[in-house]
C-alpha atoms as a PDB file:
ATOM      1  CA  MET A   1     -44.862 -43.141   9.333  1.00  0.00           C
ATOM      2  CA  GLN A   2     -42.223 -45.745   8.558  1.00  0.00           C
ATOM      3  CA  LEU A   3     -39.547 -43.045   8.171  1.00  0.00           C
ATOM      4  CA  PHE A   4     -40.563 -41.547  11.515  1.00  0.00           C
ATOM      5  CA  THR A   5     -40.223 -44.956  13.168  1.00  0.00           C
ATOM      6  CA  VAL A   6     -36.784 -45.473  11.634  1.00  0.00           C
ATOM      7  CA  ILE A   7     -35.634 -42.042  12.811  1.00  0.00           C
ATOM      8  CA  CYS A   8     -36.886 -42.717  16.347  1.00  0.00           C
ATOM      9  CA  VAL A   9     -35.143 -46.097  16.476  1.00  0.00           C
ATOM     10  CA  GLN A  10     -31.898 -44.641  15.101  1.00  0.00           C
ATOM     11  CA  SER A  11     -32.023 -41.753  17.576  1.00  0.00           C
ATOM     12  CA  ILE A  12     -32.653 -43.932  20.623  1.00  0.00           C
ATOM     13  CA  ALA A  13     -30.061 -46.529  19.596  1.00  0.00           C
ATOM     14  CA  SER A  14     -27.342 -43.939  18.922  1.00  0.00           C
ATOM     15  CA  TYR A  15     -28.096 -42.117  22.178  1.00  0.00           C
ATOM     16  CA  LEU A  16     -27.911 -45.316  24.233  1.00  0.00           C
ATOM     17  CA  ALA A  17     -24.730 -46.444  22.464  1.00  0.00           C
ATOM     18  CA  THR A  18     -23.045 -43.112  23.136  1.00  0.00           C
ATOM     19  CA  CYS A  19     -24.081 -43.136  26.796  1.00  0.00           C
ATOM     20  CA  ALA A  20     -22.972 -46.763  27.197  1.00  0.00           C
ATOM     21  CA  PHE A  21     -19.456 -46.006  26.000  1.00  0.00           C
ATOM     22  CA  GLY A  22     -19.462 -42.881  28.143  1.00  0.00           C
ATOM     23  CA  ILE A  23     -20.147 -45.063  31.178  1.00  0.00           C
ATOM     24  CA  ILE A  24     -17.220 -47.285  30.190  1.00  0.00           C
ATOM     25  CA  PHE A  25     -15.009 -44.178  30.002  1.00  0.00           C
ATOM     26  CA  ASN A  26     -16.210 -43.055  33.485  1.00  0.00           C
ATOM     27  CA  ILE A  27     -17.715 -39.809  32.210  1.00  0.00           C
ATOM     28  CA  PRO A  28     -19.760 -37.904  34.848  1.00  0.00           C
ATOM     29  CA  PHE A  29     -23.532 -37.941  34.688  1.00  0.00           C
ATOM     30  CA  LYS A  30     -24.316 -34.527  33.181  1.00  0.00           C
ATOM     31  CA  PRO A  31     -21.566 -34.625  30.526  1.00  0.00           C
ATOM     32  CA  LEU A  32     -22.717 -38.170  29.804  1.00  0.00           C
ATOM     33  CA  LEU A  33     -26.229 -36.969  28.960  1.00  0.00           C
ATOM     34  CA  HIS A  34     -24.915 -34.078  26.887  1.00  0.00           C
ATOM     35  CA  GLY A  35     -22.460 -36.336  25.076  1.00  0.00           C
ATOM     36  CA  GLY A  36     -25.258 -38.776  24.298  1.00  0.00           C
ATOM     37  CA  LEU A  37     -27.245 -35.969  22.726  1.00  0.00           C
ATOM     38  CA  ILE A  38     -24.232 -34.891  20.661  1.00  0.00           C
ATOM     39  CA  GLY A  39     -23.652 -38.449  19.480  1.00  0.00           C
ATOM     40  CA  MET A  40     -27.316 -38.824  18.559  1.00  0.00           C
ATOM     41  CA  ILE A  41     -27.309 -35.613  16.496  1.00  0.00           C
ATOM     42  CA  GLY A  42     -24.101 -36.639  14.753  1.00  0.00           C
ATOM     43  CA  TRP A  43     -25.502 -40.040  13.892  1.00  0.00           C
ATOM     44  CA  LEU A  44     -28.707 -38.531  12.496  1.00  0.00           C
ATOM     45  CA  ILE A  45     -26.614 -36.242  10.287  1.00  0.00           C
ATOM     46  CA  TYR A  46     -24.685 -39.275   9.063  1.00  0.00           C
ATOM     47  CA  PHE A  47     -27.916 -41.195   8.487  1.00  0.00           C
ATOM     48  CA  PHE A  48     -29.613 -38.491   6.421  1.00  0.00           C
ATOM     49  CA  LEU A  49     -26.511 -37.664   4.387  1.00  0.00           C
ATOM     50  CA  PHE A  50     -25.863 -41.311   3.614  1.00  0.00           C
ATOM     51  CA  GLN A  51     -29.487 -41.829   2.586  1.00  0.00           C
ATOM     52  CA  ASN A  52     -29.421 -38.805   0.269  1.00  0.00           C
ATOM     53  CA  THR A  53     -25.900 -39.005  -1.184  1.00  0.00           C
ATOM     54  CA  GLY A  54     -24.968 -42.666  -0.801  1.00  0.00           C
ATOM     55  CA  SER A  55     -21.442 -41.647   0.225  1.00  0.00           C
ATOM     56  CA  ASP A  56     -20.450 -42.952   3.633  1.00  0.00           C
ATOM     57  CA  LEU A  57     -17.175 -41.026   3.389  1.00  0.00           C
ATOM     58  CA  LEU A  58     -18.916 -37.645   3.026  1.00  0.00           C
ATOM     59  CA  ALA A  59     -21.492 -38.533   5.667  1.00  0.00           C
ATOM     60  CA  THR A  60     -18.816 -39.621   8.149  1.00  0.00           C
ATOM     61  CA  PHE A  61     -16.714 -36.504   7.583  1.00  0.00           C
ATOM     62  CA  ALA A  62     -19.659 -34.105   7.940  1.00  0.00           C
ATOM     63  CA  ALA A  63     -21.017 -35.865  11.021  1.00  0.00           C
ATOM     64  CA  SER A  64     -17.626 -35.946  12.758  1.00  0.00           C
ATOM     65  CA  LEU A  65     -17.129 -32.251  11.975  1.00  0.00           C
ATOM     66  CA  VAL A  66     -20.499 -31.373  13.512  1.00  0.00           C
ATOM     67  CA  ILE A  67     -19.819 -33.569  16.551  1.00  0.00           C
ATOM     68  CA  ALA A  68     -16.459 -31.910  17.127  1.00  0.00           C
ATOM     69  CA  MET A  69     -17.933 -28.412  16.786  1.00  0.00           C
ATOM     70  CA  MET A  70     -20.769 -29.217  19.183  1.00  0.00           C
ATOM     71  CA  SER A  71     -18.234 -30.684  21.612  1.00  0.00           C
ATOM     72  CA  GLN A  72     -16.245 -27.442  21.515  1.00  0.00           C
ATOM     73  CA  VAL A  73     -19.376 -25.411  22.220  1.00  0.00           C
ATOM     74  CA  ALA A  74     -20.531 -27.764  24.995  1.00  0.00           C
ATOM     75  CA  ALA A  75     -17.110 -27.716  26.639  1.00  0.00           C
ATOM     76  CA  ARG A  76     -17.124 -23.905  26.828  1.00  0.00           C
ATOM     77  CA  LEU A  77     -20.750 -23.785  27.849  1.00  0.00           C
ATOM     78  CA  TRP A  78     -20.546 -26.252  30.738  1.00  0.00           C
ATOM     79  CA  LYS A  79     -16.859 -25.698  31.631  1.00  0.00           C
ATOM     80  CA  ASN A  80     -15.664 -29.243  30.939  1.00  0.00           C
ATOM     81  CA  PRO A  81     -12.886 -30.778  28.822  1.00  0.00           C
ATOM     82  CA  VAL A  82     -13.717 -31.239  25.153  1.00  0.00           C
ATOM     83  CA  THR A  83     -12.860 -34.933  25.265  1.00  0.00           C
ATOM     84  CA  LEU A  84     -15.770 -35.639  27.620  1.00  0.00           C
ATOM     85  CA  TYR A  85     -18.102 -34.898  24.717  1.00  0.00           C
ATOM     86  CA  SER A  86     -16.096 -35.701  21.594  1.00  0.00           C
ATOM     87  CA  VAL A  87     -14.796 -39.144  22.598  1.00  0.00           C
ATOM     88  CA  SER A  88     -18.193 -40.558  23.481  1.00  0.00           C
ATOM     89  CA  GLY A  89     -20.028 -38.581  20.783  1.00  0.00           C
ATOM     90  CA  ILE A  90     -17.858 -39.963  18.003  1.00  0.00           C
ATOM     91  CA  ILE A  91     -18.527 -43.599  18.971  1.00  0.00           C
ATOM     92  CA  PRO A  92     -21.556 -44.163  16.664  1.00  0.00           C
ATOM     93  CA  LEU A  93     -19.412 -43.221  13.648  1.00  0.00           C
ATOM     94  CA  VAL A  94     -16.563 -45.608  14.419  1.00  0.00           C
ATOM     95  CA  PRO A  95     -16.571 -48.404  11.790  1.00  0.00           C
ATOM     96  CA  GLY A  96     -16.533 -51.245  14.301  1.00  0.00           C
ATOM     97  CA  GLY A  97     -18.686 -53.522  12.156  1.00  0.00           C
ATOM     98  CA  LEU A  98     -16.303 -53.168   9.224  1.00  0.00           C
ATOM     99  CA  SER A  99     -13.334 -53.875  11.493  1.00  0.00           C
ATOM    100  CA  TYR A 100     -15.010 -57.076  12.625  1.00  0.00           C
ATOM    101  CA  SER A 101     -15.652 -57.980   8.980  1.00  0.00           C
ATOM    102  CA  VAL A 102     -11.945 -57.505   8.218  1.00  0.00           C
ATOM    103  CA  MET A 103     -10.921 -59.934  10.938  1.00  0.00           C
ATOM    104  CA  SER A 104     -13.679 -62.393  10.056  1.00  0.00           C
ATOM    105  CA  ARG A 105     -12.746 -62.497   6.351  1.00  0.00           C
ATOM    106  CA  ALA A 106      -9.065 -62.772   7.210  1.00  0.00           C
ATOM    107  CA  VAL A 107      -9.755 -65.779   9.447  1.00  0.00           C
ATOM    108  CA  ASP A 108     -11.807 -67.366   6.642  1.00  0.00           C
ATOM    109  CA  ASN A 109      -8.880 -66.811   4.209  1.00  0.00           C
ATOM    110  CA  ASN A 110     -10.922 -64.336   2.123  1.00  0.00           C
ATOM    111  CA  TYR A 111      -8.023 -61.929   1.876  1.00  0.00           C
ATOM    112  CA  ASP A 112      -9.348 -59.920  -1.060  1.00  0.00           C
ATOM    113  CA  ILE A 113     -12.551 -59.032   0.774  1.00  0.00           C
ATOM    114  CA  ALA A 114     -10.586 -58.463   3.983  1.00  0.00           C
ATOM    115  CA  ILE A 115      -8.284 -55.990   2.218  1.00  0.00           C
ATOM    116  CA  TYR A 116     -11.280 -54.212   0.685  1.00  0.00           C
ATOM    117  CA  PHE A 117     -12.931 -53.798   4.087  1.00  0.00           C
ATOM    118  CA  ALA A 118      -9.618 -52.763   5.649  1.00  0.00           C
ATOM    119  CA  GLU A 119      -9.211 -49.993   3.070  1.00  0.00           C
ATOM    120  CA  LYS A 120     -12.725 -48.800   3.816  1.00  0.00           C
ATOM    121  CA  VAL A 121     -12.040 -48.801   7.564  1.00  0.00           C
ATOM    122  CA  PHE A 122      -8.856 -46.809   6.984  1.00  0.00           C
ATOM    123  CA  VAL A 123     -10.631 -44.222   4.815  1.00  0.00           C
ATOM    124  CA  LEU A 124     -13.540 -43.774   7.236  1.00  0.00           C
ATOM    125  CA  SER A 125     -11.169 -43.468  10.185  1.00  0.00           C
ATOM    126  CA  GLY A 126      -9.275 -40.801   8.263  1.00  0.00           C
ATOM    127  CA  ALA A 127     -12.543 -38.955   7.599  1.00  0.00           C
ATOM    128  CA  ILE A 128     -13.328 -38.977  11.329  1.00  0.00           C
ATOM    129  CA  ALA A 129      -9.853 -37.685  12.165  1.00  0.00           C
ATOM    130  CA  MET A 130     -10.079 -34.965   9.506  1.00  0.00           C
ATOM    131  CA  GLY A 131     -13.439 -33.821  10.843  1.00  0.00           C
ATOM    132  CA  LEU A 132     -12.090 -33.573  14.389  1.00  0.00           C
ATOM    133  CA  VAL A 133      -8.959 -31.716  13.306  1.00  0.00           C
ATOM    134  CA  LEU A 134     -10.857 -29.315  11.043  1.00  0.00           C
ATOM    135  CA  ALA A 135     -13.271 -28.451  13.850  1.00  0.00           C
ATOM    136  CA  GLU A 136     -10.344 -27.651  16.136  1.00  0.00           C
ATOM    137  CA  VAL A 137      -8.749 -25.482  13.444  1.00  0.00           C
ATOM    138  CA  ILE A 138     -12.009 -23.595  12.873  1.00  0.00           C
ATOM    139  CA  TYR A 139     -12.414 -23.004  16.593  1.00  0.00           C
ATOM    140  CA  GLN A 140      -8.853 -21.712  16.953  1.00  0.00           C
ATOM    141  CA  LEU A 141      -9.370 -19.346  14.011  1.00  0.00           C
ATOM    142  CA  VAL A 142     -12.552 -18.002  15.581  1.00  0.00           C
ATOM    143  CA  GLN A 143     -10.712 -17.448  18.867  1.00  0.00           C
ATOM    144  CA  LYS A 144      -7.896 -15.594  17.076  1.00  0.00           C
ATOM    145  CA  ILE A 145     -10.405 -13.367  15.304  1.00  0.00           C
ATOM    146  CA  LYS A 146     -12.126 -12.607  18.616  1.00  0.00           C
ATOM    147  CA  GLU A 147      -8.781 -11.654  20.151  1.00  0.00           C
ATOM    148  CA  MET A 148      -7.988  -9.336  17.244  1.00  0.00           C
ATOM    149  CA  VAL A 149     -11.340  -7.547  17.444  1.00  0.00           C
ATOM    150  CA  PRO A 150     -11.600  -5.159  20.441  1.00  0.00           C
ATOM    151  CA  GLN A 151     -14.300  -6.294  22.816  1.00  0.00           C
ATOM    152  CA  LYS A 152     -15.099  -3.221  24.946  1.00  0.00           C
ATOM    153  CA  THR A 153     -14.944  -0.542  22.274  1.00  0.00           C
ATOM    154  CA  ASP A 154     -17.944  -0.010  20.051  1.00  0.00           C
ATOM    155  CA  ASN A 155     -16.152   1.284  16.950  1.00  0.00           C
ATOM    156  CA  ARG A 156     -17.699  -1.301  14.705  1.00  0.00           C
ATOM    157  CA  ILE A 157     -19.610  -0.134  11.683  1.00  0.00           C
ATOM    158  CA  PHE A 158     -22.391  -2.599  12.394  1.00  0.00           C
ATOM    159  CA  SER A 159     -23.473  -3.642  15.870  1.00  0.00           C
ATOM    160  CA  PHE A 160     -26.746  -4.807  17.359  1.00  0.00           C
ATOM    161  CA  LYS A 161     -26.939  -1.724  19.587  1.00  0.00           C
ATOM    162  CA  LYS A 162     -26.384   0.663  16.692  1.00  0.00           C
ATOM    163  CA  VAL A 163     -28.849  -1.159  14.497  1.00  0.00           C
ATOM    164  CA  ARG A 164     -31.430  -1.066  17.285  1.00  0.00           C
ATOM    165  CA  TYR A 165     -31.010   2.663  17.876  1.00  0.00           C
ATOM    166  CA  PHE A 166     -31.027   3.378  14.161  1.00  0.00           C
ATOM    167  CA  SER A 167     -34.231   1.366  13.761  1.00  0.00           C
ATOM    168  CA  ILE A 168     -35.931   3.328  16.558  1.00  0.00           C
ATOM    169  CA  GLU A 169     -34.830   6.658  15.093  1.00  0.00           C
ATOM    170  CA  LEU A 170     -35.938   5.617  11.631  1.00  0.00           C
ATOM    171  CA  PHE A 171     -39.327   4.526  12.956  1.00  0.00           C
ATOM    172  CA  ILE A 172     -39.803   7.853  14.756  1.00  0.00           C
ATOM    173  CA  LEU A 173     -38.751   9.794  11.658  1.00  0.00           C
ATOM    174  CA  LEU A 174     -41.125   7.867   9.421  1.00  0.00           C
ATOM    175  CA  SER A 175     -43.947   8.351  11.932  1.00  0.00           C
ATOM    176  CA  ILE A 176     -43.340  12.111  11.978  1.00  0.00           C
ATOM    177  CA  CYS A 177     -43.238  12.251   8.173  1.00  0.00           C
ATOM    178  CA  TYR A 178     -46.432  10.244   7.943  1.00  0.00           C
ATOM    179  CA  TYR A 179     -48.151  12.498  10.486  1.00  0.00           C
ATOM    180  CA  GLU A 180     -46.995  15.674   8.719  1.00  0.00           C
ATOM    181  CA  GLY A 181     -48.089  14.264   5.371  1.00  0.00           C
ATOM    182  CA  ASN A 182     -51.554  13.536   6.724  1.00  0.00           C
ATOM    183  CA  ASN A 183     -51.817  17.045   8.159  1.00  0.00           C
ATOM    184  CA  THR A 184     -50.709  18.534   4.843  1.00  0.00           C
ATOM    185  CA  ARG A 185     -53.298  16.524   2.946  1.00  0.00           C
ATOM    186  CA  VAL A 186     -55.988  17.580   5.420  1.00  0.00           C
ATOM    187  CA  ASP A 187     -54.984  21.242   5.024  1.00  0.00           C
ATOM    188  CA  HIS A 188     -55.112  20.931   1.240  1.00  0.00           C
ATOM    189  CA  ARG A 189     -58.536  19.350   1.438  1.00  0.00           C
ATOM    190  CA  GLU A 190     -59.819  22.102   3.731  1.00  0.00           C
ATOM    191  CA  ALA A 191     -58.366  24.791   1.470  1.00  0.00           C
ATOM    192  CA  SER A 192     -59.844  23.250  -1.665  1.00  0.00           C
ATOM    193  CA  ARG A 193     -63.165  22.843   0.097  1.00  0.00           C
ATOM    194  CA  LYS A 194     -63.174  26.526   1.121  1.00  0.00           C
ATOM    195  CA  GLU A 195     -62.212  27.609  -2.376  1.00  0.00           C
ATOM    196  CA  GLY A 196     -65.032  25.527  -3.800  1.00  0.00           C
ATOM    197  CA  SER A 197     -67.525  27.056  -1.393  1.00  0.00           C
ATOM    198  CA  ASN A 198     -66.280  30.585  -2.200  1.00  0.00           C
ATOM    199  CA  ASN A 199     -66.617  29.908  -5.917  1.00  0.00           C
ATOM    200  CA  GLU A 200     -70.169  28.721  -5.400  1.00  0.00           C
ATOM    201  CA  ILE A 201     -70.993  31.894  -3.420  1.00  0.00           C
ATOM    202  CA  ASP A 202     -69.490  34.118  -6.152  1.00  0.00           C
ATOM    203  CA  MET A 203     -71.466  32.307  -8.818  1.00  0.00           C
ATOM    204  CA  PHE A 204     -74.651  32.697  -6.759  1.00  0.00           C
ATOM    205  CA  TRP A 205     -74.148  36.433  -6.447  1.00  0.00           C
END
């Protein structure tokens, strides 16, 4: 029950934070709602990965990759620029708290701790950038593959239509074989029954 409460709080907080920054960026209403959902999903991925692995670098990279991929899909689905979803969706992953800690420690003359936090901010920012770039590369590769494969011709070895027709034909063939097998067994039973009755008649006579 406690885990469920934590997940609900994290989901609501990340959704509201994403939508709030989307309002600051003047994102329209519908993309704002979709971007909030993308940011919430990305933050939940980060949360679960960080809880299981303890690596904020891996969690940040994976979450930013998923956010960027979902932004690409949402942009094509609702005919909007990718940045409407990716910029606001990536906000929960931005290490703003660590950046504040860097400035706070630097003001307090704790330069060693400030440098440590600054290195962490730099690494996490690089992980976010790598996730965004990798998602774009993956999407471009998929588009190139789609362009190379002919769309209107059905010369593929495997296709849903061919598999469907093959399944129907196979089902009909198996049904016919099963029906013929039952008829053959019935004929054998009738023949053996007649032979048995004839043998009994011969023995009687």
